[in-house]
ModelCIF file with pLDDT and N, C-alpha, C, O atoms, coordinates in Angstrom:
data_MODEL
#
_entry.id   MODEL 
#
_entity.id                         1 
_entity.type                       polymer 
_entity.pdbx_number_of_molecules   1 
#
_entity_poly.entity_id                      1 
_entity_poly.type                           'polypeptide(L)' 
_entity_poly.nstd_linkage                   no 
_entity_poly.nstd_monomer                   no 
_entity_poly.pdbx_seq_one_letter_code       TLGIPWLVDKEKFYFKDGNLTWLRNNELITPRFLYYWLITSQAQNQ 
_entity_poly.pdbx_seq_one_letter_code_can   TLGIPWLVDKEKFYFKDGNLTWLRNNELITPRFLYYWLITSQAQNQ 
_entity_poly.pdbx_strand_id                 A 
#
loop_
_entity_poly_seq.entity_id 
_entity_poly_seq.num 
_entity_poly_seq.mon_id 
_entity_poly_seq.hetero 
1 1  THR n 
1 2  LEU n 
1 3  GLY n 
1 4  ILE n 
1 5  PRO n 
1 6  TRP n 
1 7  LEU n 
1 8  VAL n 
1 9  ASP n 
1 10 LYS n 
1 11 GLU n 
1 12 LYS n 
1 13 PHE n 
1 14 TYR n 
1 15 PHE n 
1 16 LYS n 
1 17 ASP n 
1 18 GLY n 
1 19 ASN n 
1 20 LEU n 
1 21 THR n 
1 22 TRP n 
1 23 LEU n 
1 24 ARG n 
1 25 ASN n 
1 26 ASN n 
1 27 GLU n 
1 28 LEU n 
1 29 ILE n 
1 30 THR n 
1 31 PRO n 
1 32 ARG n 
1 33 PHE n 
1 34 LEU n 
1 35 TYR n 
1 36 TYR n 
1 37 TRP n 
1 38 LEU n 
1 39 ILE n 
1 40 THR n 
1 41 SER n 
1 42 GLN n 
1 43 ALA n 
1 44 GLN n 
1 45 ASN n 
1 46 GLN n 
#
_struct_asym.id          A 
_struct_asym.entity_id   1 
#
loop_
_ma_qa_metric.id 
_ma_qa_metric.mode 
_ma_qa_metric.name 
_ma_qa_metric.software_group_id 
_ma_qa_metric.type 
1 global pLDDT . pLDDT 
2 local  pLDDT . pLDDT 
#
_ma_qa_metric_global.metric_id      1 
_ma_qa_metric_global.metric_value   94.89 
_ma_qa_metric_global.model_id       1 
_ma_qa_metric_global.ordinal_id     1 
#
loop_
_ma_qa_metric_local.label_asym_id 
_ma_qa_metric_local.label_comp_id 
_ma_qa_metric_local.label_seq_id 
_ma_qa_metric_local.metric_id 
_ma_qa_metric_local.metric_value 
_ma_qa_metric_local.model_id 
_ma_qa_metric_local.ordinal_id 
A THR 1  2 90.00 1 1  
A LEU 2  2 93.00 1 2  
A GLY 3  2 95.00 1 3  
A ILE 4  2 96.00 1 4  
A PRO 5  2 97.00 1 5  
A TRP 6  2 97.00 1 6  
A LEU 7  2 96.00 1 7  
A VAL 8  2 97.00 1 8  
A ASP 9  2 94.00 1 9  
A LYS 10 2 94.00 1 10 
A GLU 11 2 93.00 1 11 
A LYS 12 2 95.00 1 12 
A PHE 13 2 96.00 1 13 
A TYR 14 2 96.00 1 14 
A PHE 15 2 95.00 1 15 
A LYS 16 2 92.00 1 16 
A ASP 17 2 87.00 1 17 
A GLY 18 2 82.00 1 18 
A ASN 19 2 89.00 1 19 
A LEU 20 2 95.00 1 20 
A THR 21 2 96.00 1 21 
A TRP 22 2 97.00 1 22 
A LEU 23 2 97.00 1 23 
A ARG 24 2 97.00 1 24 
A ASN 25 2 95.00 1 25 
A ASN 26 2 96.00 1 26 
A GLU 27 2 96.00 1 27 
A LEU 28 2 96.00 1 28 
A ILE 29 2 97.00 1 29 
A THR 30 2 97.00 1 30 
A PRO 31 2 97.00 1 31 
A ARG 32 2 96.00 1 32 
A PHE 33 2 97.00 1 33 
A LEU 34 2 97.00 1 34 
A TYR 35 2 97.00 1 35 
A TYR 36 2 97.00 1 36 
A TRP 37 2 97.00 1 37 
A LEU 38 2 97.00 1 38 
A ILE 39 2 95.00 1 39 
A THR 40 2 95.00 1 40 
A SER 41 2 94.00 1 41 
A GLN 42 2 94.00 1 42 
A ALA 43 2 95.00 1 43 
A GLN 44 2 95.00 1 44 
A ASN 45 2 94.00 1 45 
A GLN 46 2 95.00 1 46 
#
loop_
_atom_site.group_PDB 
_atom_site.id 
_atom_site.type_symbol 
_atom_site.label_atom_id 
_atom_site.label_alt_id 
_atom_site.label_comp_id 
_atom_site.label_asym_id 
_atom_site.label_entity_id 
_atom_site.label_seq_id 
_atom_site.pdbx_PDB_ins_code 
_atom_site.Cartn_x 
_atom_site.Cartn_y 
_atom_site.Cartn_z 
_atom_site.occupancy 
_atom_site.B_iso_or_equiv 
_atom_site.pdbx_formal_charge 
_atom_site.auth_seq_id 
_atom_site.auth_comp_id 
_atom_site.auth_asym_id 
_atom_site.auth_atom_id 
_atom_site.pdbx_PDB_model_num 
ATOM 1   N N  . THR A 1 1  ? 1.230  -0.947 -0.286  1.00 90.00 ? 1  THR A N  1 
ATOM 2   C CA . THR A 1 1  ? 0.342  -0.106 -0.426  1.00 90.00 ? 1  THR A CA 1 
ATOM 3   C C  . THR A 1 1  ? 0.735  0.681  0.202   1.00 90.00 ? 1  THR A C  1 
ATOM 4   O O  . THR A 1 1  ? 1.057  0.784  1.386   1.00 90.00 ? 1  THR A O  1 
ATOM 5   N N  . LEU A 1 2  ? 0.698  1.766  -1.285  1.00 93.00 ? 2  LEU A N  1 
ATOM 6   C CA . LEU A 1 2  ? 2.304  2.569  -1.425  1.00 93.00 ? 2  LEU A CA 1 
ATOM 7   C C  . LEU A 1 2  ? 1.471  4.355  -0.731  1.00 93.00 ? 2  LEU A C  1 
ATOM 8   O O  . LEU A 1 2  ? 0.265  4.403  -0.490  1.00 93.00 ? 2  LEU A O  1 
ATOM 9   N N  . GLY A 1 3  ? 2.445  5.658  -0.523  1.00 95.00 ? 3  GLY A N  1 
ATOM 10  C CA . GLY A 1 3  ? 2.216  6.926  -0.131  1.00 95.00 ? 3  GLY A CA 1 
ATOM 11  C C  . GLY A 1 3  ? 0.760  7.345  1.225   1.00 95.00 ? 3  GLY A C  1 
ATOM 12  O O  . GLY A 1 3  ? -0.177 8.143  1.254   1.00 95.00 ? 3  GLY A O  1 
ATOM 13  N N  . ILE A 1 4  ? 1.218  6.452  2.014   1.00 96.00 ? 4  ILE A N  1 
ATOM 14  C CA . ILE A 1 4  ? -0.075 6.774  2.784   1.00 96.00 ? 4  ILE A CA 1 
ATOM 15  C C  . ILE A 1 4  ? 0.893  7.317  4.315   1.00 96.00 ? 4  ILE A C  1 
ATOM 16  O O  . ILE A 1 4  ? 1.121  6.593  5.283   1.00 96.00 ? 4  ILE A O  1 
ATOM 17  N N  . PRO A 1 5  ? 1.269  8.568  4.171   1.00 97.00 ? 5  PRO A N  1 
ATOM 18  C CA . PRO A 1 5  ? 1.311  9.371  5.036   1.00 97.00 ? 5  PRO A CA 1 
ATOM 19  C C  . PRO A 1 5  ? 1.758  9.073  6.799   1.00 97.00 ? 5  PRO A C  1 
ATOM 20  O O  . PRO A 1 5  ? 1.060  8.140  7.196   1.00 97.00 ? 5  PRO A O  1 
ATOM 21  N N  . TRP A 1 6  ? 2.517  9.493  7.707   1.00 97.00 ? 6  TRP A N  1 
ATOM 22  C CA . TRP A 1 6  ? 1.674  9.769  9.118   1.00 97.00 ? 6  TRP A CA 1 
ATOM 23  C C  . TRP A 1 6  ? 2.961  11.198 9.443   1.00 97.00 ? 6  TRP A C  1 
ATOM 24  O O  . TRP A 1 6  ? 4.110  10.937 9.087   1.00 97.00 ? 6  TRP A O  1 
ATOM 25  N N  . LEU A 1 7  ? 2.808  12.052 9.836   1.00 96.00 ? 7  LEU A N  1 
ATOM 26  C CA . LEU A 1 7  ? 3.810  13.162 10.062  1.00 96.00 ? 7  LEU A CA 1 
ATOM 27  C C  . LEU A 1 7  ? 3.651  13.381 11.433  1.00 96.00 ? 7  LEU A C  1 
ATOM 28  O O  . LEU A 1 7  ? 2.587  13.657 11.985  1.00 96.00 ? 7  LEU A O  1 
ATOM 29  N N  . VAL A 1 8  ? 5.254  13.187 12.214  1.00 97.00 ? 8  VAL A N  1 
ATOM 30  C CA . VAL A 1 8  ? 5.260  11.999 12.800  1.00 97.00 ? 8  VAL A CA 1 
ATOM 31  C C  . VAL A 1 8  ? 4.798  12.647 14.328  1.00 97.00 ? 8  VAL A C  1 
ATOM 32  O O  . VAL A 1 8  ? 4.042  13.618 14.287  1.00 97.00 ? 8  VAL A O  1 
ATOM 33  N N  . ASP A 1 9  ? 5.078  12.316 15.196  1.00 94.00 ? 9  ASP A N  1 
ATOM 34  C CA . ASP A 1 9  ? 4.343  13.191 16.688  1.00 94.00 ? 9  ASP A CA 1 
ATOM 35  C C  . ASP A 1 9  ? 6.002  13.560 17.211  1.00 94.00 ? 9  ASP A C  1 
ATOM 36  O O  . ASP A 1 9  ? 7.114  13.798 16.739  1.00 94.00 ? 9  ASP A O  1 
ATOM 37  N N  . LYS A 1 10 ? 5.108  13.382 18.855  1.00 94.00 ? 10 LYS A N  1 
ATOM 38  C CA . LYS A 1 10 ? 7.000  13.621 19.508  1.00 94.00 ? 10 LYS A CA 1 
ATOM 39  C C  . LYS A 1 10 ? 6.284  12.418 20.285  1.00 94.00 ? 10 LYS A C  1 
ATOM 40  O O  . LYS A 1 10 ? 6.081  12.784 21.442  1.00 94.00 ? 10 LYS A O  1 
ATOM 41  N N  . GLU A 1 11 ? 5.672  10.660 19.988  1.00 93.00 ? 11 GLU A N  1 
ATOM 42  C CA . GLU A 1 11 ? 6.286  9.643  20.888  1.00 93.00 ? 11 GLU A CA 1 
ATOM 43  C C  . GLU A 1 11 ? 7.500  8.952  20.023  1.00 93.00 ? 11 GLU A C  1 
ATOM 44  O O  . GLU A 1 11 ? 7.682  8.570  18.867  1.00 93.00 ? 11 GLU A O  1 
ATOM 45  N N  . LYS A 1 12 ? 8.105  9.005  21.060  1.00 95.00 ? 12 LYS A N  1 
ATOM 46  C CA . LYS A 1 12 ? 9.878  7.519  20.542  1.00 95.00 ? 12 LYS A CA 1 
ATOM 47  C C  . LYS A 1 12 ? 9.392  6.673  20.400  1.00 95.00 ? 12 LYS A C  1 
ATOM 48  O O  . LYS A 1 12 ? 8.693  6.048  21.199  1.00 95.00 ? 12 LYS A O  1 
ATOM 49  N N  . PHE A 1 13 ? 9.852  6.268  18.483  1.00 96.00 ? 13 PHE A N  1 
ATOM 50  C CA . PHE A 1 13 ? 9.943  4.813  18.619  1.00 96.00 ? 13 PHE A CA 1 
ATOM 51  C C  . PHE A 1 13 ? 11.031 4.801  16.872  1.00 96.00 ? 13 PHE A C  1 
ATOM 52  O O  . PHE A 1 13 ? 11.832 5.633  16.448  1.00 96.00 ? 13 PHE A O  1 
ATOM 53  N N  . TYR A 1 14 ? 10.589 3.576  16.321  1.00 96.00 ? 14 TYR A N  1 
ATOM 54  C CA . TYR A 1 14 ? 11.408 2.897  15.299  1.00 96.00 ? 14 TYR A CA 1 
ATOM 55  C C  . TYR A 1 14 ? 10.444 2.774  14.910  1.00 96.00 ? 14 TYR A C  1 
ATOM 56  O O  . TYR A 1 14 ? 9.359  3.014  15.440  1.00 96.00 ? 14 TYR A O  1 
ATOM 57  N N  . PHE A 1 15 ? 10.800 2.179  13.418  1.00 95.00 ? 15 PHE A N  1 
ATOM 58  C CA . PHE A 1 15 ? 10.400 1.858  11.871  1.00 95.00 ? 15 PHE A CA 1 
ATOM 59  C C  . PHE A 1 15 ? 11.028 1.304  11.563  1.00 95.00 ? 15 PHE A C  1 
ATOM 60  O O  . PHE A 1 15 ? 12.081 1.073  12.158  1.00 95.00 ? 15 PHE A O  1 
ATOM 61  N N  . LYS A 1 16 ? 10.476 0.496  9.766   1.00 92.00 ? 16 LYS A N  1 
ATOM 62  C CA . LYS A 1 16 ? 10.596 -1.109 9.035   1.00 92.00 ? 16 LYS A CA 1 
ATOM 63  C C  . LYS A 1 16 ? 11.839 -0.182 8.159   1.00 92.00 ? 16 LYS A C  1 
ATOM 64  O O  . LYS A 1 16 ? 11.274 0.530  7.329   1.00 92.00 ? 16 LYS A O  1 
ATOM 65  N N  . ASP A 1 17 ? 13.057 -0.044 8.136   1.00 87.00 ? 17 ASP A N  1 
ATOM 66  C CA . ASP A 1 17 ? 13.712 -0.383 6.539   1.00 87.00 ? 17 ASP A CA 1 
ATOM 67  C C  . ASP A 1 17 ? 12.823 -0.593 5.738   1.00 87.00 ? 17 ASP A C  1 
ATOM 68  O O  . ASP A 1 17 ? 11.703 -0.862 6.172   1.00 87.00 ? 17 ASP A O  1 
ATOM 69  N N  . GLY A 1 18 ? 13.087 -0.525 4.206   1.00 82.00 ? 18 GLY A N  1 
ATOM 70  C CA . GLY A 1 18 ? 12.103 -0.627 2.910   1.00 82.00 ? 18 GLY A CA 1 
ATOM 71  C C  . GLY A 1 18 ? 10.810 -0.558 2.845   1.00 82.00 ? 18 GLY A C  1 
ATOM 72  O O  . GLY A 1 18 ? 10.306 0.057  1.906   1.00 82.00 ? 18 GLY A O  1 
ATOM 73  N N  . ASN A 1 19 ? 10.018 -1.159 3.805   1.00 89.00 ? 19 ASN A N  1 
ATOM 74  C CA . ASN A 1 19 ? 8.618  -0.463 3.647   1.00 89.00 ? 19 ASN A CA 1 
ATOM 75  C C  . ASN A 1 19 ? 8.320  0.300  3.846   1.00 89.00 ? 19 ASN A C  1 
ATOM 76  O O  . ASN A 1 19 ? 7.098  0.391  3.726   1.00 89.00 ? 19 ASN A O  1 
ATOM 77  N N  . LEU A 1 20 ? 9.044  1.545  4.319   1.00 95.00 ? 20 LEU A N  1 
ATOM 78  C CA . LEU A 1 20 ? 8.943  3.022  5.165   1.00 95.00 ? 20 LEU A CA 1 
ATOM 79  C C  . LEU A 1 20 ? 9.889  4.096  4.390   1.00 95.00 ? 20 LEU A C  1 
ATOM 80  O O  . LEU A 1 20 ? 10.847 3.738  3.705   1.00 95.00 ? 20 LEU A O  1 
ATOM 81  N N  . THR A 1 21 ? 9.546  5.320  4.558   1.00 96.00 ? 21 THR A N  1 
ATOM 82  C CA . THR A 1 21 ? 10.476 6.266  3.717   1.00 96.00 ? 21 THR A CA 1 
ATOM 83  C C  . THR A 1 21 ? 10.057 7.089  4.529   1.00 96.00 ? 21 THR A C  1 
ATOM 84  O O  . THR A 1 21 ? 8.912  7.437  4.818   1.00 96.00 ? 21 THR A O  1 
ATOM 85  N N  . TRP A 1 22 ? 11.735 7.605  5.147   1.00 97.00 ? 22 TRP A N  1 
ATOM 86  C CA . TRP A 1 22 ? 11.350 8.736  5.807   1.00 97.00 ? 22 TRP A CA 1 
ATOM 87  C C  . TRP A 1 22 ? 11.617 10.387 5.647   1.00 97.00 ? 22 TRP A C  1 
ATOM 88  O O  . TRP A 1 22 ? 12.693 10.887 5.975   1.00 97.00 ? 22 TRP A O  1 
ATOM 89  N N  . LEU A 1 23 ? 10.718 11.017 5.207   1.00 97.00 ? 23 LEU A N  1 
ATOM 90  C CA . LEU A 1 23 ? 11.253 12.434 5.362   1.00 97.00 ? 23 LEU A CA 1 
ATOM 91  C C  . LEU A 1 23 ? 11.274 14.014 6.606   1.00 97.00 ? 23 LEU A C  1 
ATOM 92  O O  . LEU A 1 23 ? 10.444 14.447 7.405   1.00 97.00 ? 23 LEU A O  1 
ATOM 93  N N  . ARG A 1 24 ? 12.907 14.534 6.124   1.00 97.00 ? 24 ARG A N  1 
ATOM 94  C CA . ARG A 1 24 ? 13.189 15.438 6.702   1.00 97.00 ? 24 ARG A CA 1 
ATOM 95  C C  . ARG A 1 24 ? 12.743 16.886 6.040   1.00 97.00 ? 24 ARG A C  1 
ATOM 96  O O  . ARG A 1 24 ? 13.647 17.245 5.286   1.00 97.00 ? 24 ARG A O  1 
ATOM 97  N N  . ASN A 1 25 ? 11.718 17.786 6.063   1.00 95.00 ? 25 ASN A N  1 
ATOM 98  C CA . ASN A 1 25 ? 11.656 19.054 5.157   1.00 95.00 ? 25 ASN A CA 1 
ATOM 99  C C  . ASN A 1 25 ? 12.534 19.696 6.019   1.00 95.00 ? 25 ASN A C  1 
ATOM 100 O O  . ASN A 1 25 ? 12.733 19.537 7.223   1.00 95.00 ? 25 ASN A O  1 
ATOM 101 N N  . ASN A 1 26 ? 13.404 21.021 4.581   1.00 96.00 ? 26 ASN A N  1 
ATOM 102 C CA . ASN A 1 26 ? 14.310 21.949 4.959   1.00 96.00 ? 26 ASN A CA 1 
ATOM 103 C C  . ASN A 1 26 ? 13.459 23.392 5.299   1.00 96.00 ? 26 ASN A C  1 
ATOM 104 O O  . ASN A 1 26 ? 12.419 23.523 5.946   1.00 96.00 ? 26 ASN A O  1 
ATOM 105 N N  . GLU A 1 27 ? 14.113 24.198 4.765   1.00 96.00 ? 27 GLU A N  1 
ATOM 106 C CA . GLU A 1 27 ? 13.451 25.466 5.351   1.00 96.00 ? 27 GLU A CA 1 
ATOM 107 C C  . GLU A 1 27 ? 12.660 25.536 4.321   1.00 96.00 ? 27 GLU A C  1 
ATOM 108 O O  . GLU A 1 27 ? 11.729 25.101 4.998   1.00 96.00 ? 27 GLU A O  1 
ATOM 109 N N  . LEU A 1 28 ? 12.049 25.729 3.015   1.00 96.00 ? 28 LEU A N  1 
ATOM 110 C CA . LEU A 1 28 ? 12.089 26.003 2.257   1.00 96.00 ? 28 LEU A CA 1 
ATOM 111 C C  . LEU A 1 28 ? 10.097 25.370 2.230   1.00 96.00 ? 28 LEU A C  1 
ATOM 112 O O  . LEU A 1 28 ? 9.364  25.741 1.313   1.00 96.00 ? 28 LEU A O  1 
ATOM 113 N N  . ILE A 1 29 ? 9.790  24.826 2.896   1.00 97.00 ? 29 ILE A N  1 
ATOM 114 C CA . ILE A 1 29 ? 8.675  23.962 3.348   1.00 97.00 ? 29 ILE A CA 1 
ATOM 115 C C  . ILE A 1 29 ? 8.304  23.284 4.717   1.00 97.00 ? 29 ILE A C  1 
ATOM 116 O O  . ILE A 1 29 ? 8.920  22.257 5.002   1.00 97.00 ? 29 ILE A O  1 
ATOM 117 N N  . THR A 1 30 ? 7.654  23.609 5.316   1.00 97.00 ? 30 THR A N  1 
ATOM 118 C CA . THR A 1 30 ? 7.066  22.940 6.263   1.00 97.00 ? 30 THR A CA 1 
ATOM 119 C C  . THR A 1 30 ? 6.070  21.806 6.006   1.00 97.00 ? 30 THR A C  1 
ATOM 120 O O  . THR A 1 30 ? 5.314  21.541 5.072   1.00 97.00 ? 30 THR A O  1 
ATOM 121 N N  . PRO A 1 31 ? 6.397  21.139 7.378   1.00 97.00 ? 31 PRO A N  1 
ATOM 122 C CA . PRO A 1 31 ? 6.088  19.717 7.664   1.00 97.00 ? 31 PRO A CA 1 
ATOM 123 C C  . PRO A 1 31 ? 4.247  19.444 7.230   1.00 97.00 ? 31 PRO A C  1 
ATOM 124 O O  . PRO A 1 31 ? 3.759  18.746 6.341   1.00 97.00 ? 31 PRO A O  1 
ATOM 125 N N  . ARG A 1 32 ? 3.890  19.912 7.789   1.00 96.00 ? 32 ARG A N  1 
ATOM 126 C CA . ARG A 1 32 ? 2.675  20.303 7.658   1.00 96.00 ? 32 ARG A CA 1 
ATOM 127 C C  . ARG A 1 32 ? 1.988  20.258 6.208   1.00 96.00 ? 32 ARG A C  1 
ATOM 128 O O  . ARG A 1 32 ? 1.020  19.684 5.709   1.00 96.00 ? 32 ARG A O  1 
ATOM 129 N N  . PHE A 1 33 ? 2.912  21.093 5.815   1.00 97.00 ? 33 PHE A N  1 
ATOM 130 C CA . PHE A 1 33 ? 1.868  21.406 4.032   1.00 97.00 ? 33 PHE A CA 1 
ATOM 131 C C  . PHE A 1 33 ? 2.691  20.397 3.205   1.00 97.00 ? 33 PHE A C  1 
ATOM 132 O O  . PHE A 1 33 ? 2.041  19.703 2.424   1.00 97.00 ? 33 PHE A O  1 
ATOM 133 N N  . LEU A 1 34 ? 3.679  20.261 3.246   1.00 97.00 ? 34 LEU A N  1 
ATOM 134 C CA . LEU A 1 34 ? 4.477  18.656 3.211   1.00 97.00 ? 34 LEU A CA 1 
ATOM 135 C C  . LEU A 1 34 ? 3.792  17.270 3.288   1.00 97.00 ? 34 LEU A C  1 
ATOM 136 O O  . LEU A 1 34 ? 4.179  16.308 2.624   1.00 97.00 ? 34 LEU A O  1 
ATOM 137 N N  . TYR A 1 35 ? 2.864  17.241 4.050   1.00 97.00 ? 35 TYR A N  1 
ATOM 138 C CA . TYR A 1 35 ? 2.344  15.633 4.712   1.00 97.00 ? 35 TYR A CA 1 
ATOM 139 C C  . TYR A 1 35 ? 1.183  16.744 3.906   1.00 97.00 ? 35 TYR A C  1 
ATOM 140 O O  . TYR A 1 35 ? 2.115  17.171 3.224   1.00 97.00 ? 35 TYR A O  1 
ATOM 141 N N  . TYR A 1 36 ? 0.785  17.018 3.738   1.00 97.00 ? 36 TYR A N  1 
ATOM 142 C CA . TYR A 1 36 ? -1.091 17.407 2.905   1.00 97.00 ? 36 TYR A CA 1 
ATOM 143 C C  . TYR A 1 36 ? -0.441 17.373 1.609   1.00 97.00 ? 36 TYR A C  1 
ATOM 144 O O  . TYR A 1 36 ? -1.163 17.319 0.613   1.00 97.00 ? 36 TYR A O  1 
ATOM 145 N N  . TRP A 1 37 ? 0.961  17.399 1.464   1.00 97.00 ? 37 TRP A N  1 
ATOM 146 C CA . TRP A 1 37 ? 0.931  17.778 0.057   1.00 97.00 ? 37 TRP A CA 1 
ATOM 147 C C  . TRP A 1 37 ? 0.789  16.299 -1.107  1.00 97.00 ? 37 TRP A C  1 
ATOM 148 O O  . TRP A 1 37 ? 0.374  16.077 -2.245  1.00 97.00 ? 37 TRP A O  1 
ATOM 149 N N  . LEU A 1 38 ? 1.298  15.699 -0.197  1.00 97.00 ? 38 LEU A N  1 
ATOM 150 C CA . LEU A 1 38 ? 1.832  14.241 0.032   1.00 97.00 ? 38 LEU A CA 1 
ATOM 151 C C  . LEU A 1 38 ? 0.244  13.572 -0.029  1.00 97.00 ? 38 LEU A C  1 
ATOM 152 O O  . LEU A 1 38 ? 0.203  12.643 0.777   1.00 97.00 ? 38 LEU A O  1 
ATOM 153 N N  . ILE A 1 39 ? -0.563 13.683 -0.459  1.00 95.00 ? 39 ILE A N  1 
ATOM 154 C CA . ILE A 1 39 ? -2.275 13.546 -0.327  1.00 95.00 ? 39 ILE A CA 1 
ATOM 155 C C  . ILE A 1 39 ? -2.376 14.065 -1.303  1.00 95.00 ? 39 ILE A C  1 
ATOM 156 O O  . ILE A 1 39 ? -2.926 13.451 -2.217  1.00 95.00 ? 39 ILE A O  1 
ATOM 157 N N  . THR A 1 40 ? -2.215 14.509 -1.375  1.00 95.00 ? 40 THR A N  1 
ATOM 158 C CA . THR A 1 40 ? -3.067 15.562 -3.455  1.00 95.00 ? 40 THR A CA 1 
ATOM 159 C C  . THR A 1 40 ? -2.735 14.278 -4.768  1.00 95.00 ? 40 THR A C  1 
ATOM 160 O O  . THR A 1 40 ? -1.971 13.321 -4.899  1.00 95.00 ? 40 THR A O  1 
ATOM 161 N N  . SER A 1 41 ? -3.705 14.883 -5.486  1.00 94.00 ? 41 SER A N  1 
ATOM 162 C CA . SER A 1 41 ? -3.426 14.501 -5.943  1.00 94.00 ? 41 SER A CA 1 
ATOM 163 C C  . SER A 1 41 ? -2.490 14.288 -7.284  1.00 94.00 ? 41 SER A C  1 
ATOM 164 O O  . SER A 1 41 ? -2.408 13.422 -8.155  1.00 94.00 ? 41 SER A O  1 
ATOM 165 N N  . GLN A 1 42 ? -2.020 15.171 -7.078  1.00 94.00 ? 42 GLN A N  1 
ATOM 166 C CA . GLN A 1 42 ? 0.208  15.622 -7.894  1.00 94.00 ? 42 GLN A CA 1 
ATOM 167 C C  . GLN A 1 42 ? 0.427  14.101 -7.193  1.00 94.00 ? 42 GLN A C  1 
ATOM 168 O O  . GLN A 1 42 ? 0.542  13.062 -7.843  1.00 94.00 ? 42 GLN A O  1 
ATOM 169 N N  . ALA A 1 43 ? 0.457  14.193 -5.867  1.00 95.00 ? 43 ALA A N  1 
ATOM 170 C CA . ALA A 1 43 ? 1.195  13.706 -5.216  1.00 95.00 ? 43 ALA A CA 1 
ATOM 171 C C  . ALA A 1 43 ? 1.009  12.637 -6.043  1.00 95.00 ? 43 ALA A C  1 
ATOM 172 O O  . ALA A 1 43 ? 1.579  12.305 -7.083  1.00 95.00 ? 43 ALA A O  1 
ATOM 173 N N  . GLN A 1 44 ? -0.464 11.834 -4.999  1.00 95.00 ? 44 GLN A N  1 
ATOM 174 C CA . GLN A 1 44 ? -0.775 10.116 -5.517  1.00 95.00 ? 44 GLN A CA 1 
ATOM 175 C C  . GLN A 1 44 ? -0.563 10.393 -7.045  1.00 95.00 ? 44 GLN A C  1 
ATOM 176 O O  . GLN A 1 44 ? 0.586  9.952  -7.034  1.00 95.00 ? 44 GLN A O  1 
ATOM 177 N N  . ASN A 1 45 ? -0.719 10.719 -8.183  1.00 94.00 ? 45 ASN A N  1 
ATOM 178 C CA . ASN A 1 45 ? -0.250 10.345 -9.046  1.00 94.00 ? 45 ASN A CA 1 
ATOM 179 C C  . ASN A 1 45 ? 0.328  10.359 -9.085  1.00 94.00 ? 45 ASN A C  1 
ATOM 180 O O  . ASN A 1 45 ? 0.262  11.075 -10.083 1.00 94.00 ? 45 ASN A O  1 
ATOM 181 N N  . GLN A 1 46 ? 1.625  10.208 -8.918  1.00 95.00 ? 46 GLN A N  1 
ATOM 182 C CA . GLN A 1 46 ? 3.680  10.225 -9.422  1.00 95.00 ? 46 GLN A CA 1 
ATOM 183 C C  . GLN A 1 46 ? 3.934  9.678  -8.285  1.00 95.00 ? 46 GLN A C  1 
ATOM 184 O O  . GLN A 1 46 ? 5.095  9.413  -7.973  1.00 95.00 ? 46 GLN A O  1 
#
């Protein structure tokens, strides 16, 4: 199941390699904007 994002909260955890990709924004974009973009048709079509 591809392209389902989760915006990480304050909890402490780790995750499985290969099944999940980790994105960390830079100063050009806010985390929440990136999260919402990932669920847009523009991102999902790609």
